[in-house]
Amino acid sequence: MERKKTLEDRFAEDVPTFTPGQVVRHRRYSYRGVVVDFDMHCRADQQWYKRNRTQPDRDQPWYHVLVDGSTLITYAAQSNLAADEQGQPVHHPLVNHFFNGFDRGRYQRNDEPWGGWEE
């Protein structure tokens, strides 16, 4: 007989792995970036999702990531990201817009709101 999940069990599964300010690396494409914000599930429309090459599960945290060495911002599923252990800053023109500083391999997120997906 399967054990009924408690509220604590459910919460533990829903906690995102990465938080704003954390530097990550894409598992498949190897780019580095910094997490600006996240959604608890994919909020992109179906048309955008169908164009996504990897099409990971929509029902997991998805992250808005400023890509190092470019002007790109990606929307990546948690399953496609890993923590970046280099401890080096990310070079992106919006870093200073969303973060106040870089310390011990992590950015300090400011109060500038992320636009996110339109409802």
PDB file of N, CA and C in Angstrom:
ATOM      1  N   MET A   1       0.842  -1.176   0.000  1.00  0.00           N
ATOM      2  CA  MET A   1       0.000   0.000   0.000  1.00  0.00           C
ATOM      3  C   MET A   1       0.889   1.242   0.000  1.00  0.00           C
ATOM      4  N   GLU A   2       0.565   2.186  -0.889  1.00  0.00           N
ATOM      5  CA  GLU A   2       1.366   3.402  -0.992  1.00  0.00           C
ATOM      6  C   GLU A   2       1.026   4.363   0.144  1.00  0.00           C
ATOM      7  N   ARG A   3       2.071   4.959   0.728  1.00  0.00           N
ATOM      8  CA  ARG A   3       1.904   5.909   1.820  1.00  0.00           C
ATOM      9  C   ARG A   3       1.326   7.205   1.281  1.00  0.00           C
ATOM     10  N   LYS A   4       0.349   7.758   1.968  1.00  0.00           N
ATOM     11  CA  LYS A   4      -0.240   9.035   1.587  1.00  0.00           C
ATOM     12  C   LYS A   4       0.773  10.144   1.851  1.00  0.00           C
ATOM     13  N   LYS A   5       0.918  11.044   0.880  1.00  0.00           N
ATOM     14  CA  LYS A   5       1.863  12.148   1.027  1.00  0.00           C
ATOM     15  C   LYS A   5       1.326  13.180   2.008  1.00  0.00           C
ATOM     16  N   THR A   6       2.228  13.644   2.851  1.00  0.00           N
ATOM     17  CA  THR A   6       1.875  14.697   3.790  1.00  0.00           C
ATOM     18  C   THR A   6       2.120  16.050   3.126  1.00  0.00           C
ATOM     19  N   LEU A   7       1.668  17.101   3.755  1.00  0.00           N
ATOM     20  CA  LEU A   7       1.910  18.445   3.245  1.00  0.00           C
ATOM     21  C   LEU A   7       3.412  18.711   3.151  1.00  0.00           C
ATOM     22  N   GLU A   8       4.176  18.246   4.118  1.00  0.00           N
ATOM     23  CA  GLU A   8       5.629  18.435   4.113  1.00  0.00           C
ATOM     24  C   GLU A   8       6.260  17.713   2.919  1.00  0.00           C
ATOM     25  N   ASP A   9       5.766  16.512   2.598  1.00  0.00           N
ATOM     26  CA  ASP A   9       6.285  15.784   1.433  1.00  0.00           C
ATOM     27  C   ASP A   9       6.049  16.589   0.159  1.00  0.00           C
ATOM     28  N   ARG A  10       4.862  17.112   0.012  1.00  0.00           N
ATOM     29  CA  ARG A  10       4.524  17.874  -1.195  1.00  0.00           C
ATOM     30  C   ARG A  10       5.364  19.147  -1.277  1.00  0.00           C
ATOM     31  N   PHE A  11       5.501  19.860  -0.185  1.00  0.00           N
ATOM     32  CA  PHE A  11       6.283  21.095  -0.185  1.00  0.00           C
ATOM     33  C   PHE A  11       7.724  20.807  -0.560  1.00  0.00           C
ATOM     34  N   ALA A  12       8.292  19.750  -0.037  1.00  0.00           N
ATOM     35  CA  ALA A  12       9.684  19.412  -0.323  1.00  0.00           C
ATOM     36  C   ALA A  12       9.898  19.192  -1.820  1.00  0.00           C
ATOM     37  N   GLU A  13       8.905  18.618  -2.507  1.00  0.00           N
ATOM     38  CA  GLU A  13       9.023  18.375  -3.938  1.00  0.00           C
ATOM     39  C   GLU A  13       8.884  19.667  -4.745  1.00  0.00           C
ATOM     40  N   ASP A  14       8.162  20.630  -4.219  1.00  0.00           N
ATOM     41  CA  ASP A  14       7.863  21.851  -4.953  1.00  0.00           C
ATOM     42  C   ASP A  14       8.904  22.954  -4.774  1.00  0.00           C
ATOM     43  N   VAL A  15       9.811  22.779  -3.857  1.00  0.00           N
ATOM     44  CA  VAL A  15      10.823  23.809  -3.631  1.00  0.00           C
ATOM     45  C   VAL A  15      11.774  23.829  -4.827  1.00  0.00           C
ATOM     46  N   PRO A  16      11.947  24.998  -5.451  1.00  0.00           N
ATOM     47  CA  PRO A  16      12.858  25.045  -6.598  1.00  0.00           C
ATOM     48  C   PRO A  16      14.297  24.785  -6.163  1.00  0.00           C
ATOM     49  N   THR A  17      15.048  24.145  -7.022  1.00  0.00           N
ATOM     50  CA  THR A  17      16.450  23.835  -6.739  1.00  0.00           C
ATOM     51  C   THR A  17      17.318  25.082  -6.756  1.00  0.00           C
ATOM     52  N   PHE A  18      17.031  25.995  -7.676  1.00  0.00           N
ATOM     53  CA  PHE A  18      17.847  27.194  -7.858  1.00  0.00           C
ATOM     54  C   PHE A  18      17.062  28.433  -7.438  1.00  0.00           C
ATOM     55  N   THR A  19      17.784  29.449  -7.009  1.00  0.00           N
ATOM     56  CA  THR A  19      17.165  30.686  -6.560  1.00  0.00           C
ATOM     57  C   THR A  19      17.779  31.874  -7.305  1.00  0.00           C
ATOM     58  N   PRO A  20      17.060  33.001  -7.357  1.00  0.00           N
ATOM     59  CA  PRO A  20      17.624  34.172  -8.019  1.00  0.00           C
ATOM     60  C   PRO A  20      18.991  34.534  -7.441  1.00  0.00           C
ATOM     61  N   GLY A  21      19.916  34.811  -8.358  1.00  0.00           N
ATOM     62  CA  GLY A  21      21.283  35.134  -7.977  1.00  0.00           C
ATOM     63  C   GLY A  21      22.238  33.967  -8.107  1.00  0.00           C
ATOM     64  N   GLN A  22      21.690  32.768  -8.239  1.00  0.00           N
ATOM     65  CA  GLN A  22      22.544  31.589  -8.360  1.00  0.00           C
ATOM     66  C   GLN A  22      23.040  31.439  -9.793  1.00  0.00           C
ATOM     67  N   VAL A  23      24.322  31.100  -9.937  1.00  0.00           N
ATOM     68  CA  VAL A  23      24.910  30.869 -11.249  1.00  0.00           C
ATOM     69  C   VAL A  23      24.717  29.395 -11.594  1.00  0.00           C
ATOM     70  N   VAL A  24      24.231  29.157 -12.810  1.00  0.00           N
ATOM     71  CA  VAL A  24      23.911  27.806 -13.267  1.00  0.00           C
ATOM     72  C   VAL A  24      24.576  27.522 -14.605  1.00  0.00           C
ATOM     73  N   ARG A  25      24.553  26.262 -14.989  1.00  0.00           N
ATOM     74  CA  ARG A  25      25.068  25.820 -16.292  1.00  0.00           C
ATOM     75  C   ARG A  25      24.001  24.920 -16.920  1.00  0.00           C
ATOM     76  N   HIS A  26      23.756  25.134 -18.228  1.00  0.00           N
ATOM     77  CA  HIS A  26      22.791  24.295 -18.936  1.00  0.00           C
ATOM     78  C   HIS A  26      23.441  22.944 -19.216  1.00  0.00           C
ATOM     79  N   ARG A  27      22.769  21.870 -18.852  1.00  0.00           N
ATOM     80  CA  ARG A  27      23.334  20.516 -18.990  1.00  0.00           C
ATOM     81  C   ARG A  27      23.589  20.126 -20.449  1.00  0.00           C
ATOM     82  N   ARG A  28      22.722  20.515 -21.339  1.00  0.00           N
ATOM     83  CA  ARG A  28      22.845  20.102 -22.738  1.00  0.00           C
ATOM     84  C   ARG A  28      23.692  21.076 -23.562  1.00  0.00           C
ATOM     85  N   TYR A  29      23.473  22.374 -23.379  1.00  0.00           N
ATOM     86  CA  TYR A  29      24.124  23.372 -24.218  1.00  0.00           C
ATOM     87  C   TYR A  29      25.340  24.024 -23.564  1.00  0.00           C
ATOM     88  N   SER A  30      25.600  23.730 -22.324  1.00  0.00           N
ATOM     89  CA  SER A  30      26.801  24.144 -21.584  1.00  0.00           C
ATOM     90  C   SER A  30      26.957  25.636 -21.345  1.00  0.00           C
ATOM     91  N   TYR A  31      25.952  26.445 -21.658  1.00  0.00           N
ATOM     92  CA  TYR A  31      26.117  27.864 -21.350  1.00  0.00           C
ATOM     93  C   TYR A  31      25.958  28.097 -19.851  1.00  0.00           C
ATOM     94  N   ARG A  32      26.634  29.135 -19.366  1.00  0.00           N
ATOM     95  CA  ARG A  32      26.510  29.560 -17.977  1.00  0.00           C
ATOM     96  C   ARG A  32      25.576  30.761 -17.935  1.00  0.00           C
ATOM     97  N   GLY A  33      24.963  30.976 -16.791  1.00  0.00           N
ATOM     98  CA  GLY A  33      24.119  32.141 -16.636  1.00  0.00           C
ATOM     99  C   GLY A  33      23.714  32.316 -15.191  1.00  0.00           C
ATOM    100  N   VAL A  34      23.015  33.418 -14.924  1.00  0.00           N
ATOM    101  CA  VAL A  34      22.543  33.690 -13.576  1.00  0.00           C
ATOM    102  C   VAL A  34      21.020  33.705 -13.583  1.00  0.00           C
ATOM    103  N   VAL A  35      20.430  33.062 -12.592  1.00  0.00           N
ATOM    104  CA  VAL A  35      18.981  33.015 -12.450  1.00  0.00           C
ATOM    105  C   VAL A  35      18.487  34.382 -11.980  1.00  0.00           C
ATOM    106  N   VAL A  36      17.520  34.933 -12.724  1.00  0.00           N
ATOM    107  CA  VAL A  36      16.913  36.204 -12.343  1.00  0.00           C
ATOM    108  C   VAL A  36      15.615  35.945 -11.584  1.00  0.00           C
ATOM    109  N   ASP A  37      14.840  34.979 -12.064  1.00  0.00           N
ATOM    110  CA  ASP A  37      13.543  34.669 -11.467  1.00  0.00           C
ATOM    111  C   ASP A  37      13.162  33.257 -11.879  1.00  0.00           C
ATOM    112  N   PHE A  38      12.063  32.755 -11.316  1.00  0.00           N
ATOM    113  CA  PHE A  38      11.603  31.419 -11.677  1.00  0.00           C
ATOM    114  C   PHE A  38      10.082  31.361 -11.613  1.00  0.00           C
ATOM    115  N   ASP A  39       9.540  30.361 -12.281  1.00  0.00           N
ATOM    116  CA  ASP A  39       8.119  30.029 -12.230  1.00  0.00           C
ATOM    117  C   ASP A  39       8.036  28.583 -11.756  1.00  0.00           C
ATOM    118  N   MET A  40       7.006  28.254 -10.997  1.00  0.00           N
ATOM    119  CA  MET A  40       6.882  26.895 -10.464  1.00  0.00           C
ATOM    120  C   MET A  40       6.472  25.878 -11.530  1.00  0.00           C
ATOM    121  N   HIS A  41       6.055  26.371 -12.697  1.00  0.00           N
ATOM    122  CA  HIS A  41       5.773  25.521 -13.855  1.00  0.00           C
ATOM    123  C   HIS A  41       5.968  26.380 -15.098  1.00  0.00           C
ATOM    124  N   CYS A  42       6.060  25.758 -16.244  1.00  0.00           N
ATOM    125  CA  CYS A  42       6.288  26.495 -17.486  1.00  0.00           C
ATOM    126  C   CYS A  42       5.084  27.382 -17.790  1.00  0.00           C
ATOM    127  N   ARG A  43       5.325  28.667 -17.907  1.00  0.00           N
ATOM    128  CA  ARG A  43       4.253  29.623 -18.180  1.00  0.00           C
ATOM    129  C   ARG A  43       4.252  30.078 -19.635  1.00  0.00           C
ATOM    130  N   ALA A  44       5.152  29.562 -20.432  1.00  0.00           N
ATOM    131  CA  ALA A  44       5.184  29.908 -21.858  1.00  0.00           C
ATOM    132  C   ALA A  44       3.992  29.278 -22.565  1.00  0.00           C
ATOM    133  N   ASP A  45       3.557  29.922 -23.639  1.00  0.00           N
ATOM    134  CA  ASP A  45       2.417  29.364 -24.367  1.00  0.00           C
ATOM    135  C   ASP A  45       2.824  28.102 -25.125  1.00  0.00           C
ATOM    136  N   GLN A  46       1.829  27.389 -25.600  1.00  0.00           N
ATOM    137  CA  GLN A  46       2.052  26.103 -26.269  1.00  0.00           C
ATOM    138  C   GLN A  46       2.904  26.265 -27.527  1.00  0.00           C
ATOM    139  N   GLN A  47       2.719  27.345 -28.270  1.00  0.00           N
ATOM    140  CA  GLN A  47       3.499  27.585 -29.482  1.00  0.00           C
ATOM    141  C   GLN A  47       4.991  27.697 -29.152  1.00  0.00           C
ATOM    142  N   TRP A  48       5.335  28.462 -28.104  1.00  0.00           N
ATOM    143  CA  TRP A  48       6.730  28.592 -27.693  1.00  0.00           C
ATOM    144  C   TRP A  48       7.271  27.228 -27.259  1.00  0.00           C
ATOM    145  N   TYR A  49       6.493  26.525 -26.462  1.00  0.00           N
ATOM    146  CA  TYR A  49       6.937  25.233 -25.937  1.00  0.00           C
ATOM    147  C   TYR A  49       7.211  24.237 -27.073  1.00  0.00           C
ATOM    148  N   LYS A  50       6.371  24.207 -28.073  1.00  0.00           N
ATOM    149  CA  LYS A  50       6.562  23.275 -29.195  1.00  0.00           C
ATOM    150  C   LYS A  50       7.845  23.575 -29.972  1.00  0.00           C
ATOM    151  N   ARG A  51       8.290  24.838 -29.969  1.00  0.00           N
ATOM    152  CA  ARG A  51       9.542  25.211 -30.652  1.00  0.00           C
ATOM    153  C   ARG A  51      10.770  24.863 -29.810  1.00  0.00           C
ATOM    154  N   ASN A  52      10.583  24.614 -28.517  1.00  0.00           N
ATOM    155  CA  ASN A  52      11.690  24.275 -27.627  1.00  0.00           C
ATOM    156  C   ASN A  52      12.233  22.904 -28.032  1.00  0.00           C
ATOM    157  N   ARG A  53      13.525  22.834 -28.339  1.00  0.00           N
ATOM    158  CA  ARG A  53      14.117  21.583 -28.831  1.00  0.00           C
ATOM    159  C   ARG A  53      14.037  20.429 -27.838  1.00  0.00           C
ATOM    160  N   THR A  54      14.213  20.720 -26.564  1.00  0.00           N
ATOM    161  CA  THR A  54      14.279  19.631 -25.586  1.00  0.00           C
ATOM    162  C   THR A  54      12.913  19.238 -25.029  1.00  0.00           C
ATOM    163  N   GLN A  55      11.957  20.132 -25.000  1.00  0.00           N
ATOM    164  CA  GLN A  55      10.606  19.931 -24.472  1.00  0.00           C
ATOM    165  C   GLN A  55      10.582  19.158 -23.145  1.00  0.00           C
ATOM    166  N   PRO A  56      11.273  19.668 -22.130  1.00  0.00           N
ATOM    167  CA  PRO A  56      11.211  19.028 -20.812  1.00  0.00           C
ATOM    168  C   PRO A  56       9.818  19.196 -20.213  1.00  0.00           C
ATOM    169  N   ASP A  57       9.537  18.444 -19.194  1.00  0.00           N
ATOM    170  CA  ASP A  57       8.242  18.487 -18.510  1.00  0.00           C
ATOM    171  C   ASP A  57       7.893  19.921 -18.130  1.00  0.00           C
ATOM    172  N   ARG A  58       6.682  20.339 -18.450  1.00  0.00           N
ATOM    173  CA  ARG A  58       6.235  21.695 -18.119  1.00  0.00           C
ATOM    174  C   ARG A  58       5.956  21.842 -16.627  1.00  0.00           C
ATOM    175  N   ASP A  59       5.665  20.725 -15.964  1.00  0.00           N
ATOM    176  CA  ASP A  59       5.273  20.753 -14.552  1.00  0.00           C
ATOM    177  C   ASP A  59       6.487  20.573 -13.635  1.00  0.00           C
ATOM    178  N   GLN A  60       7.367  21.562 -13.671  1.00  0.00           N
ATOM    179  CA  GLN A  60       8.555  21.633 -12.828  1.00  0.00           C
ATOM    180  C   GLN A  60       8.970  23.099 -12.822  1.00  0.00           C
ATOM    181  N   PRO A  61       9.819  23.518 -11.924  1.00  0.00           N
ATOM    182  CA  PRO A  61      10.282  24.913 -11.959  1.00  0.00           C
ATOM    183  C   PRO A  61      11.017  25.226 -13.272  1.00  0.00           C
ATOM    184  N   TRP A  62      10.762  26.427 -13.781  1.00  0.00           N
ATOM    185  CA  TRP A  62      11.433  26.965 -14.966  1.00  0.00           C
ATOM    186  C   TRP A  62      12.076  28.279 -14.563  1.00  0.00           C
ATOM    187  N   TYR A  63      13.245  28.560 -15.131  1.00  0.00           N
ATOM    188  CA  TYR A  63      14.062  29.689 -14.692  1.00  0.00           C
ATOM    189  C   TYR A  63      14.356  30.666 -15.828  1.00  0.00           C
ATOM    190  N   HIS A  64      14.311  31.955 -15.498  1.00  0.00           N
ATOM    191  CA  HIS A  64      14.719  33.022 -16.409  1.00  0.00           C
ATOM    192  C   HIS A  64      16.203  33.249 -16.129  1.00  0.00           C
ATOM    193  N   VAL A  65      17.037  33.029 -17.135  1.00  0.00           N
ATOM    194  CA  VAL A  65      18.492  33.021 -16.958  1.00  0.00           C
ATOM    195  C   VAL A  65      19.162  34.022 -17.898  1.00  0.00           C
ATOM    196  N   LEU A  66      19.983  34.919 -17.331  1.00  0.00           N
ATOM    197  CA  LEU A  66      20.814  35.820 -18.128  1.00  0.00           C
ATOM    198  C   LEU A  66      22.045  35.034 -18.565  1.00  0.00           C
ATOM    199  N   VAL A  67      22.245  34.882 -19.859  1.00  0.00           N
ATOM    200  CA  VAL A  67      23.315  34.037 -20.393  1.00  0.00           C
ATOM    201  C   VAL A  67      24.638  34.786 -20.428  1.00  0.00           C
ATOM    202  N   ASP A  68      25.661  34.171 -19.851  1.00  0.00           N
ATOM    203  CA  ASP A  68      27.006  34.734 -19.775  1.00  0.00           C
ATOM    204  C   ASP A  68      27.578  35.011 -21.165  1.00  0.00           C
ATOM    205  N   GLY A  69      28.194  36.196 -21.317  1.00  0.00           N
ATOM    206  CA  GLY A  69      28.885  36.546 -22.552  1.00  0.00           C
ATOM    207  C   GLY A  69      27.966  36.864 -23.713  1.00  0.00           C
ATOM    208  N   SER A  70      26.710  37.188 -23.438  1.00  0.00           N
ATOM    209  CA  SER A  70      25.769  37.505 -24.507  1.00  0.00           C
ATOM    210  C   SER A  70      24.720  38.484 -23.996  1.00  0.00           C
ATOM    211  N   THR A  71      23.745  38.768 -24.836  1.00  0.00           N
ATOM    212  CA  THR A  71      22.590  39.568 -24.428  1.00  0.00           C
ATOM    213  C   THR A  71      21.354  38.688 -24.292  1.00  0.00           C
ATOM    214  N   LEU A  72      21.520  37.374 -24.413  1.00  0.00           N
ATOM    215  CA  LEU A  72      20.396  36.439 -24.381  1.00  0.00           C
ATOM    216  C   LEU A  72      19.851  36.238 -22.975  1.00  0.00           C
ATOM    217  N   ILE A  73      18.554  35.995 -22.922  1.00  0.00           N
ATOM    218  CA  ILE A  73      17.867  35.575 -21.704  1.00  0.00           C
ATOM    219  C   ILE A  73      17.133  34.296 -22.079  1.00  0.00           C
ATOM    220  N   THR A  74      17.388  33.232 -21.357  1.00  0.00           N
ATOM    221  CA  THR A  74      16.715  31.968 -21.679  1.00  0.00           C
ATOM    222  C   THR A  74      15.677  31.635 -20.621  1.00  0.00           C
ATOM    223  N   TYR A  75      14.820  30.703 -20.969  1.00  0.00           N
ATOM    224  CA  TYR A  75      13.801  30.169 -20.069  1.00  0.00           C
ATOM    225  C   TYR A  75      14.055  28.675 -20.044  1.00  0.00           C
ATOM    226  N   ALA A  76      14.631  28.191 -18.964  1.00  0.00           N
ATOM    227  CA  ALA A  76      15.106  26.810 -18.916  1.00  0.00           C
ATOM    228  C   ALA A  76      14.443  26.027 -17.792  1.00  0.00           C
ATOM    229  N   ALA A  77      14.156  24.772 -18.072  1.00  0.00           N
ATOM    230  CA  ALA A  77      13.569  23.873 -17.081  1.00  0.00           C
ATOM    231  C   ALA A  77      14.616  23.462 -16.055  1.00  0.00           C
ATOM    232  N   GLN A  78      14.157  23.229 -14.848  1.00  0.00           N
ATOM    233  CA  GLN A  78      15.052  22.808 -13.770  1.00  0.00           C
ATOM    234  C   GLN A  78      15.864  21.580 -14.156  1.00  0.00           C
ATOM    235  N   SER A  79      15.236  20.615 -14.836  1.00  0.00           N
ATOM    236  CA  SER A  79      15.934  19.371 -15.198  1.00  0.00           C
ATOM    237  C   SER A  79      17.079  19.613 -16.181  1.00  0.00           C
ATOM    238  N   ASN A  80      17.100  20.763 -16.845  1.00  0.00           N
ATOM    239  CA  ASN A  80      18.170  21.067 -17.796  1.00  0.00           C
ATOM    240  C   ASN A  80      19.304  21.884 -17.196  1.00  0.00           C
ATOM    241  N   LEU A  81      19.200  22.236 -15.919  1.00  0.00           N
ATOM    242  CA  LEU A  81      20.210  23.081 -15.290  1.00  0.00           C
ATOM    243  C   LEU A  81      20.960  22.352 -14.185  1.00  0.00           C
ATOM    244  N   ALA A  82      22.178  22.796 -13.951  1.00  0.00           N
ATOM    245  CA  ALA A  82      23.003  22.307 -12.837  1.00  0.00           C
ATOM    246  C   ALA A  82      23.685  23.531 -12.216  1.00  0.00           C
ATOM    247  N   ALA A  83      24.017  23.433 -10.959  1.00  0.00           N
ATOM    248  CA  ALA A  83      24.743  24.527 -10.304  1.00  0.00           C
ATOM    249  C   ALA A  83      26.113  24.667 -10.959  1.00  0.00           C
ATOM    250  N   ASP A  84      26.539  25.901 -11.189  1.00  0.00           N
ATOM    251  CA  ASP A  84      27.856  26.164 -11.751  1.00  0.00           C
ATOM    252  C   ASP A  84      28.829  26.327 -10.593  1.00  0.00           C
ATOM    253  N   GLU A  85      29.901  25.582 -10.620  1.00  0.00           N
ATOM    254  CA  GLU A  85      30.851  25.571  -9.505  1.00  0.00           C
ATOM    255  C   GLU A  85      32.086  26.446  -9.745  1.00  0.00           C
ATOM    256  N   GLN A  86      32.134  27.187 -10.863  1.00  0.00           N
ATOM    257  CA  GLN A  86      33.313  27.992 -11.178  1.00  0.00           C
ATOM    258  C   GLN A  86      33.524  29.147 -10.206  1.00  0.00           C
ATOM    259  N   GLY A  87      32.454  29.679  -9.662  1.00  0.00           N
ATOM    260  CA  GLY A  87      32.571  30.818  -8.754  1.00  0.00           C
ATOM    261  C   GLY A  87      32.905  32.126  -9.453  1.00  0.00           C
ATOM    262  N   GLN A  88      32.731  32.165 -10.768  1.00  0.00           N
ATOM    263  CA  GLN A  88      33.055  33.346 -11.563  1.00  0.00           C
ATOM    264  C   GLN A  88      31.795  34.134 -11.901  1.00  0.00           C
ATOM    265  N   PRO A  89      31.910  35.455 -12.054  1.00  0.00           N
ATOM    266  CA  PRO A  89      30.744  36.265 -12.410  1.00  0.00           C
ATOM    267  C   PRO A  89      30.262  35.997 -13.835  1.00  0.00           C
ATOM    268  N   VAL A  90      29.041  36.419 -14.088  1.00  0.00           N
ATOM    269  CA  VAL A  90      28.418  36.317 -15.400  1.00  0.00           C
ATOM    270  C   VAL A  90      28.496  37.703 -16.046  1.00  0.00           C
ATOM    271  N   HIS A  91      28.823  37.741 -17.322  1.00  0.00           N
ATOM    272  CA  HIS A  91      28.906  39.004 -18.062  1.00  0.00           C
ATOM    273  C   HIS A  91      27.682  39.112 -18.966  1.00  0.00           C
ATOM    274  N   HIS A  92      26.776  39.974 -18.573  1.00  0.00           N
ATOM    275  CA  HIS A  92      25.527  40.208 -19.314  1.00  0.00           C
ATOM    276  C   HIS A  92      25.115  41.647 -19.037  1.00  0.00           C
ATOM    277  N   PRO A  93      24.594  42.365 -20.036  1.00  0.00           N
ATOM    278  CA  PRO A  93      24.265  43.779 -19.824  1.00  0.00           C
ATOM    279  C   PRO A  93      23.190  44.050 -18.771  1.00  0.00           C
ATOM    280  N   LEU A  94      22.384  43.067 -18.409  1.00  0.00           N
ATOM    281  CA  LEU A  94      21.325  43.290 -17.417  1.00  0.00           C
ATOM    282  C   LEU A  94      21.703  42.877 -15.991  1.00  0.00           C
ATOM    283  N   VAL A  95      22.905  42.371 -15.804  1.00  0.00           N
ATOM    284  CA  VAL A  95      23.314  41.948 -14.458  1.00  0.00           C
ATOM    285  C   VAL A  95      23.163  43.091 -13.455  1.00  0.00           C
ATOM    286  N   ASN A  96      23.670  44.270 -13.786  1.00  0.00           N
ATOM    287  CA  ASN A  96      23.597  45.392 -12.843  1.00  0.00           C
ATOM    288  C   ASN A  96      22.184  45.939 -12.669  1.00  0.00           C
ATOM    289  N   HIS A  97      21.293  45.606 -13.577  1.00  0.00           N
ATOM    290  CA  HIS A  97      19.896  46.020 -13.477  1.00  0.00           C
ATOM    291  C   HIS A  97      19.149  45.193 -12.419  1.00  0.00           C
ATOM    292  N   PHE A  98      19.469  43.897 -12.330  1.00  0.00           N
ATOM    293  CA  PHE A  98      18.746  42.985 -11.432  1.00  0.00           C
ATOM    294  C   PHE A  98      19.509  42.590 -10.169  1.00  0.00           C
ATOM    295  N   PHE A  99      20.808  42.913 -10.116  1.00  0.00           N
ATOM    296  CA  PHE A  99      21.614  42.471  -8.984  1.00  0.00           C
ATOM    297  C   PHE A  99      22.442  43.616  -8.415  1.00  0.00           C
ATOM    298  N   ASN A 100      22.682  43.571  -7.096  1.00  0.00           N
ATOM    299  CA  ASN A 100      23.455  44.609  -6.417  1.00  0.00           C
ATOM    300  C   ASN A 100      24.925  44.274  -6.265  1.00  0.00           C
ATOM    301  N   GLY A 101      25.295  43.055  -6.467  1.00  0.00           N
ATOM    302  CA  GLY A 101      26.692  42.692  -6.294  1.00  0.00           C
ATOM    303  C   GLY A 101      26.898  41.202  -6.442  1.00  0.00           C
ATOM    304  N   PHE A 102      28.165  40.813  -6.441  1.00  0.00           N
ATOM    305  CA  PHE A 102      28.566  39.415  -6.596  1.00  0.00           C
ATOM    306  C   PHE A 102      29.505  39.076  -5.455  1.00  0.00           C
ATOM    307  N   ASP A 103      29.168  38.053  -4.669  1.00  0.00           N
ATOM    308  CA  ASP A 103      29.976  37.685  -3.524  1.00  0.00           C
ATOM    309  C   ASP A 103      29.940  36.174  -3.343  1.00  0.00           C
ATOM    310  N   ARG A 104      31.122  35.569  -3.242  1.00  0.00           N
ATOM    311  CA  ARG A 104      31.257  34.123  -3.012  1.00  0.00           C
ATOM    312  C   ARG A 104      30.499  33.285  -4.045  1.00  0.00           C
ATOM    313  N   GLY A 105      30.614  33.703  -5.308  1.00  0.00           N
ATOM    314  CA  GLY A 105      30.024  32.925  -6.393  1.00  0.00           C
ATOM    315  C   GLY A 105      28.539  33.119  -6.590  1.00  0.00           C
ATOM    316  N   ARG A 106      27.966  34.131  -5.961  1.00  0.00           N
ATOM    317  CA  ARG A 106      26.519  34.341  -6.016  1.00  0.00           C
ATOM    318  C   ARG A 106      26.198  35.830  -6.126  1.00  0.00           C
ATOM    319  N   TYR A 107      25.160  36.134  -6.879  1.00  0.00           N
ATOM    320  CA  TYR A 107      24.686  37.513  -7.003  1.00  0.00           C
ATOM    321  C   TYR A 107      23.635  37.808  -5.948  1.00  0.00           C
ATOM    322  N   GLN A 108      23.584  39.072  -5.521  1.00  0.00           N
ATOM    323  CA  GLN A 108      22.562  39.516  -4.574  1.00  0.00           C
ATOM    324  C   GLN A 108      21.465  40.208  -5.382  1.00  0.00           C
ATOM    325  N   ARG A 109      20.300  39.586  -5.401  1.00  0.00           N
ATOM    326  CA  ARG A 109      19.152  40.093  -6.172  1.00  0.00           C
ATOM    327  C   ARG A 109      18.637  41.371  -5.529  1.00  0.00           C
ATOM    328  N   ASN A 110      18.339  42.381  -6.350  1.00  0.00           N
ATOM    329  CA  ASN A 110      17.760  43.616  -5.842  1.00  0.00           C
ATOM    330  C   ASN A 110      16.227  43.541  -5.946  1.00  0.00           C
ATOM    331  N   ASP A 111      15.551  44.676  -5.771  1.00  0.00           N
ATOM    332  CA  ASP A 111      14.085  44.689  -5.805  1.00  0.00           C
ATOM    333  C   ASP A 111      13.498  44.977  -7.171  1.00  0.00           C
ATOM    334  N   GLU A 112      14.329  45.085  -8.194  1.00  0.00           N
ATOM    335  CA  GLU A 112      13.830  45.349  -9.544  1.00  0.00           C
ATOM    336  C   GLU A 112      12.955  44.173  -9.990  1.00  0.00           C
ATOM    337  N   PRO A 113      11.686  44.430 -10.298  1.00  0.00           N
ATOM    338  CA  PRO A 113      10.801  43.296 -10.667  1.00  0.00           C
ATOM    339  C   PRO A 113      11.158  42.699 -12.028  1.00  0.00           C
ATOM    340  N   TRP A 114      10.962  41.412 -12.124  1.00  0.00           N
ATOM    341  CA  TRP A 114      11.126  40.696 -13.396  1.00  0.00           C
ATOM    342  C   TRP A 114       9.789  40.754 -14.097  1.00  0.00           C
ATOM    343  N   GLY A 115       9.781  41.074 -15.389  1.00  0.00           N
ATOM    344  CA  GLY A 115       8.538  41.185 -16.151  1.00  0.00           C
ATOM    345  C   GLY A 115       7.780  39.883 -16.259  1.00  0.00           C
ATOM    346  N   GLY A 116       8.498  38.802 -16.476  1.00  0.00           N
ATOM    347  CA  GLY A 116       7.855  37.488 -16.564  1.00  0.00           C
ATOM    348  C   GLY A 116       6.914  37.350 -17.749  1.00  0.00           C
ATOM    349  N   TRP A 117       6.102  36.344 -17.691  1.00  0.00           N
ATOM    350  CA  TRP A 117       5.138  36.071 -18.750  1.00  0.00           C
ATOM    351  C   TRP A 117       3.864  36.843 -18.502  1.00  0.00           C
ATOM    352  N   GLU A 118       3.260  37.301 -19.560  1.00  0.00           N
ATOM    353  CA  GLU A 118       1.976  38.005 -19.456  1.00  0.00           C
ATOM    354  C   GLU A 118       0.893  36.988 -19.143  1.00  0.00           C
ATOM    355  N   GLU A 119      -0.031  37.378 -18.284  1.00  0.00           N
ATOM    356  CA  GLU A 119      -1.165  36.502 -17.930  1.00  0.00           C
ATOM    357  C   GLU A 119      -2.170  36.456 -19.054  1.00  0.00           C
TER     358      GLU A 119
END
